[in-house]
């Protein structure tokens, strides 16, 4: 994800993306990281069964 964020900021610097585009990308990136955290917190359901 960090790679794509860097790429987006480069495109912003080059005038290929707007500030609004960057804001949307940041929201999506945060949602991605939140989902990863939720999966990690949930753990492995098979461990609970065994």
PDB file of N, CA and C in Angstrom:
ATOM      1  N   UNK A   1       0.825  -1.183   0.000  1.00  0.00           N
ATOM      2  CA  UNK A   1       0.000   0.000   0.000  1.00  0.00           C
ATOM      3  C   UNK A   1       0.871   1.250   0.000  1.00  0.00           C
ATOM      4  N   UNK A   2       1.965   1.209   0.748  1.00  0.00           N
ATOM      5  CA  UNK A   2       2.842   2.378   0.807  1.00  0.00           C
ATOM      6  C   UNK A   2       3.379   2.738  -0.580  1.00  0.00           C
ATOM      7  N   UNK A   3       3.657   1.729  -1.380  1.00  0.00           N
ATOM      8  CA  UNK A   3       4.132   1.975  -2.747  1.00  0.00           C
ATOM      9  C   UNK A   3       3.109   2.794  -3.526  1.00  0.00           C
ATOM     10  N   UNK A   4       1.844   2.409  -3.438  1.00  0.00           N
ATOM     11  CA  UNK A   4       0.801   3.092  -4.201  1.00  0.00           C
ATOM     12  C   UNK A   4       0.550   4.492  -3.663  1.00  0.00           C
ATOM     13  N   UNK A   5       0.680   4.681  -2.361  1.00  0.00           N
ATOM     14  CA  UNK A   5       0.554   6.029  -1.811  1.00  0.00           C
ATOM     15  C   UNK A   5       1.684   6.921  -2.312  1.00  0.00           C
ATOM     16  N   UNK A   6       2.898   6.404  -2.325  1.00  0.00           N
ATOM     17  CA  UNK A   6       4.025   7.178  -2.854  1.00  0.00           C
ATOM     18  C   UNK A   6       3.790   7.546  -4.310  1.00  0.00           C
ATOM     19  N   UNK A   7       3.297   6.585  -5.068  1.00  0.00           N
ATOM     20  CA  UNK A   7       3.012   6.820  -6.490  1.00  0.00           C
ATOM     21  C   UNK A   7       1.940   7.904  -6.655  1.00  0.00           C
ATOM     22  N   UNK A   8       0.917   7.863  -5.811  1.00  0.00           N
ATOM     23  CA  UNK A   8      -0.142   8.862  -5.875  1.00  0.00           C
ATOM     24  C   UNK A   8       0.395  10.259  -5.578  1.00  0.00           C
ATOM     25  N   UNK A   9       1.249  10.364  -4.552  1.00  0.00           N
ATOM     26  CA  UNK A   9       1.825  11.668  -4.217  1.00  0.00           C
ATOM     27  C   UNK A   9       2.733  12.173  -5.340  1.00  0.00           C
ATOM     28  N   UNK A  10       3.440  11.270  -5.996  1.00  0.00           N
ATOM     29  CA  UNK A  10       4.259  11.664  -7.146  1.00  0.00           C
ATOM     30  C   UNK A  10       3.373  12.205  -8.260  1.00  0.00           C
ATOM     31  N   UNK A  11       2.255  11.532  -8.509  1.00  0.00           N
ATOM     32  CA  UNK A  11       1.319  12.006  -9.530  1.00  0.00           C
ATOM     33  C   UNK A  11       0.729  13.359  -9.141  1.00  0.00           C
ATOM     34  N   UNK A  12       0.485  13.569  -7.855  1.00  0.00           N
ATOM     35  CA  UNK A  12       0.005  14.865  -7.391  1.00  0.00           C
ATOM     36  C   UNK A  12       1.050  15.935  -7.691  1.00  0.00           C
ATOM     37  N   UNK A  13       2.306  15.640  -7.363  1.00  0.00           N
ATOM     38  CA  UNK A  13       3.390  16.595  -7.619  1.00  0.00           C
ATOM     39  C   UNK A  13       3.538  16.907  -9.105  1.00  0.00           C
ATOM     40  N   UNK A  14       3.246  15.930  -9.943  1.00  0.00           N
ATOM     41  CA  UNK A  14       3.360  16.116 -11.395  1.00  0.00           C
ATOM     42  C   UNK A  14       2.088  16.673 -12.025  1.00  0.00           C
ATOM     43  N   UNK A  15       1.083  16.948 -11.207  1.00  0.00           N
ATOM     44  CA  UNK A  15      -0.157  17.532 -11.726  1.00  0.00           C
ATOM     45  C   UNK A  15      -1.110  16.526 -12.339  1.00  0.00           C
ATOM     46  N   UNK A  16      -0.866  15.238 -12.126  1.00  0.00           N
ATOM     47  CA  UNK A  16      -1.730  14.219 -12.718  1.00  0.00           C
ATOM     48  C   UNK A  16      -2.917  13.864 -11.824  1.00  0.00           C
ATOM     49  N   UNK A  17      -2.842  14.220 -10.538  1.00  0.00           N
ATOM     50  CA  UNK A  17      -3.939  14.002  -9.600  1.00  0.00           C
ATOM     51  C   UNK A  17      -4.224  15.309  -8.872  1.00  0.00           C
ATOM     52  N   UNK A  18      -5.451  15.434  -8.409  1.00  0.00           N
ATOM     53  CA  UNK A  18      -5.832  16.626  -7.647  1.00  0.00           C
ATOM     54  C   UNK A  18      -5.782  16.319  -6.153  1.00  0.00           C
ATOM     55  N   UNK A  19      -5.905  17.356  -5.344  1.00  0.00           N
ATOM     56  CA  UNK A  19      -5.966  17.172  -3.891  1.00  0.00           C
ATOM     57  C   UNK A  19      -7.155  16.291  -3.508  1.00  0.00           C
ATOM     58  N   UNK A  20      -8.284  16.449  -4.211  1.00  0.00           N
ATOM     59  CA  UNK A  20      -9.471  15.630  -3.933  1.00  0.00           C
ATOM     60  C   UNK A  20      -9.180  14.157  -4.210  1.00  0.00           C
ATOM     61  N   UNK A  21      -8.432  13.878  -5.275  1.00  0.00           N
ATOM     62  CA  UNK A  21      -8.048  12.497  -5.576  1.00  0.00           C
ATOM     63  C   UNK A  21      -7.201  11.923  -4.445  1.00  0.00           C
ATOM     64  N   UNK A  22      -6.259  12.713  -3.970  1.00  0.00           N
ATOM     65  CA  UNK A  22      -5.379  12.264  -2.890  1.00  0.00           C
ATOM     66  C   UNK A  22      -6.184  11.993  -1.626  1.00  0.00           C
ATOM     67  N   UNK A  23      -7.128  12.856  -1.316  1.00  0.00           N
ATOM     68  CA  UNK A  23      -7.964  12.646  -0.131  1.00  0.00           C
ATOM     69  C   UNK A  23      -8.721  11.333  -0.234  1.00  0.00           C
ATOM     70  N   UNK A  24      -9.252  11.041  -1.405  1.00  0.00           N
ATOM     71  CA  UNK A  24      -9.984   9.783  -1.607  1.00  0.00           C
ATOM     72  C   UNK A  24      -9.048   8.586  -1.471  1.00  0.00           C
ATOM     73  N   UNK A  25      -7.862   8.694  -2.017  1.00  0.00           N
ATOM     74  CA  UNK A  25      -6.874   7.609  -1.918  1.00  0.00           C
ATOM     75  C   UNK A  25      -6.485   7.387  -0.464  1.00  0.00           C
ATOM     76  N   UNK A  26      -6.321   8.472   0.295  1.00  0.00           N
ATOM     77  CA  UNK A  26      -5.966   8.336   1.709  1.00  0.00           C
ATOM     78  C   UNK A  26      -7.077   7.662   2.504  1.00  0.00           C
ATOM     79  N   UNK A  27      -8.333   7.971   2.181  1.00  0.00           N
ATOM     80  CA  UNK A  27      -9.468   7.326   2.852  1.00  0.00           C
ATOM     81  C   UNK A  27      -9.466   5.823   2.543  1.00  0.00           C
ATOM     82  N   UNK A  28      -9.236   5.481   1.292  1.00  0.00           N
ATOM     83  CA  UNK A  28      -9.200   4.068   0.908  1.00  0.00           C
ATOM     84  C   UNK A  28      -8.027   3.344   1.566  1.00  0.00           C
ATOM     85  N   UNK A  29      -6.886   3.998   1.638  1.00  0.00           N
ATOM     86  CA  UNK A  29      -5.724   3.393   2.285  1.00  0.00           C
ATOM     87  C   UNK A  29      -6.000   3.164   3.770  1.00  0.00           C
ATOM     88  N   UNK A  30      -6.646   4.122   4.419  1.00  0.00           N
ATOM     89  CA  UNK A  30      -6.957   3.961   5.838  1.00  0.00           C
ATOM     90  C   UNK A  30      -7.940   2.807   6.042  1.00  0.00           C
ATOM     91  N   UNK A  31      -8.915   2.677   5.154  1.00  0.00           N
ATOM     92  CA  UNK A  31      -9.867   1.567   5.236  1.00  0.00           C
ATOM     93  C   UNK A  31      -9.141   0.229   5.080  1.00  0.00           C
ATOM     94  N   UNK A  32      -8.183   0.191   4.184  1.00  0.00           N
ATOM     95  CA  UNK A  32      -7.384  -1.025   3.979  1.00  0.00           C
ATOM     96  C   UNK A  32      -6.639  -1.390   5.262  1.00  0.00           C
ATOM     97  N   UNK A  33      -5.956  -0.408   5.854  1.00  0.00           N
ATOM     98  CA  UNK A  33      -5.208  -0.679   7.081  1.00  0.00           C
ATOM     99  C   UNK A  33      -6.133  -1.037   8.240  1.00  0.00           C
ATOM    100  N   UNK A  34      -7.297  -0.418   8.315  1.00  0.00           N
ATOM    101  CA  UNK A  34      -8.268  -0.766   9.353  1.00  0.00           C
ATOM    102  C   UNK A  34      -8.741  -2.214   9.191  1.00  0.00           C
ATOM    103  N   UNK A  35      -8.963  -2.634   7.941  1.00  0.00           N
ATOM    104  CA  UNK A  35      -9.390  -4.010   7.677  1.00  0.00           C
ATOM    105  C   UNK A  35      -8.294  -4.996   8.070  1.00  0.00           C
ATOM    106  N   UNK A  36      -7.042  -4.673   7.765  1.00  0.00           N
ATOM    107  CA  UNK A  36      -5.938  -5.548   8.171  1.00  0.00           C
ATOM    108  C   UNK A  36      -5.873  -5.675   9.690  1.00  0.00           C
ATOM    109  N   UNK A  37      -6.049  -4.559  10.384  1.00  0.00           N
ATOM    110  CA  UNK A  37      -6.043  -4.592  11.849  1.00  0.00           C
ATOM    111  C   UNK A  37      -7.182  -5.448  12.386  1.00  0.00           C
ATOM    112  N   UNK A  38      -8.363  -5.337  11.785  1.00  0.00           N
ATOM    113  CA  UNK A  38      -9.521  -6.108  12.240  1.00  0.00           C
ATOM    114  C   UNK A  38      -9.288  -7.599  12.058  1.00  0.00           C
ATOM    115  N   UNK A  39      -8.709  -7.975  10.932  1.00  0.00           N
ATOM    116  CA  UNK A  39      -8.416  -9.386  10.676  1.00  0.00           C
ATOM    117  C   UNK A  39      -7.391  -9.894  11.688  1.00  0.00           C
ATOM    118  N   UNK A  40      -6.380  -9.085  11.953  1.00  0.00           N
ATOM    119  CA  UNK A  40      -5.349  -9.489  12.909  1.00  0.00           C
ATOM    120  C   UNK A  40      -5.934  -9.637  14.311  1.00  0.00           C
ATOM    121  N   UNK A  41      -6.804  -8.723  14.710  1.00  0.00           N
ATOM    122  CA  UNK A  41      -7.427  -8.794  16.033  1.00  0.00           C
ATOM    123  C   UNK A  41      -8.354  -9.996  16.152  1.00  0.00           C
ATOM    124  N   UNK A  42      -9.020 -10.356  15.064  1.00  0.00           N
ATOM    125  CA  UNK A  42      -9.963 -11.471  15.099  1.00  0.00           C
ATOM    126  C   UNK A  42      -9.241 -12.802  15.305  1.00  0.00           C
ATOM    127  N   UNK A  43      -8.023 -12.871  14.816  1.00  0.00           N
ATOM    128  CA  UNK A  43      -7.265 -14.114  14.983  1.00  0.00           C
ATOM    129  C   UNK A  43      -7.746 -15.217  14.055  1.00  0.00           C
ATOM    130  N   UNK A  44      -7.248 -16.392  14.311  1.00  0.00           N
ATOM    131  CA  UNK A  44      -7.578 -17.565  13.499  1.00  0.00           C
ATOM    132  C   UNK A  44      -8.775 -18.273  14.102  1.00  0.00           C
ATOM    133  N   UNK A  45      -9.905 -18.329  13.386  1.00  0.00           N
ATOM    134  CA  UNK A  45     -11.087 -18.982  13.949  1.00  0.00           C
ATOM    135  C   UNK A  45     -10.883 -20.464  14.225  1.00  0.00           C
ATOM    136  N   UNK A  46      -9.985 -21.110  13.503  1.00  0.00           N
ATOM    137  CA  UNK A  46      -9.723 -22.521  13.717  1.00  0.00           C
ATOM    138  C   UNK A  46      -9.048 -22.774  15.066  1.00  0.00           C
ATOM    139  N   UNK A  47      -8.282 -21.807  15.559  1.00  0.00           N
ATOM    140  CA  UNK A  47      -7.647 -21.960  16.877  1.00  0.00           C
ATOM    141  C   UNK A  47      -8.691 -22.031  17.965  1.00  0.00           C
ATOM    142  N   UNK A  48      -9.765 -21.258  17.822  1.00  0.00           N
ATOM    143  CA  UNK A  48     -10.814 -21.244  18.836  1.00  0.00           C
ATOM    144  C   UNK A  48     -11.590 -22.558  18.855  1.00  0.00           C
ATOM    145  N   UNK A  49     -11.723 -23.192  17.710  1.00  0.00           N
ATOM    146  CA  UNK A  49     -12.468 -24.452  17.620  1.00  0.00           C
ATOM    147  C   UNK A  49     -11.672 -25.567  18.277  1.00  0.00           C
ATOM    148  N   UNK A  50     -10.381 -25.589  18.045  1.00  0.00           N
ATOM    149  CA  UNK A  50      -9.532 -26.659  18.570  1.00  0.00           C
ATOM    150  C   UNK A  50      -9.253 -26.334  19.985  1.00  0.00           C
TER     151      UNK A  50
END
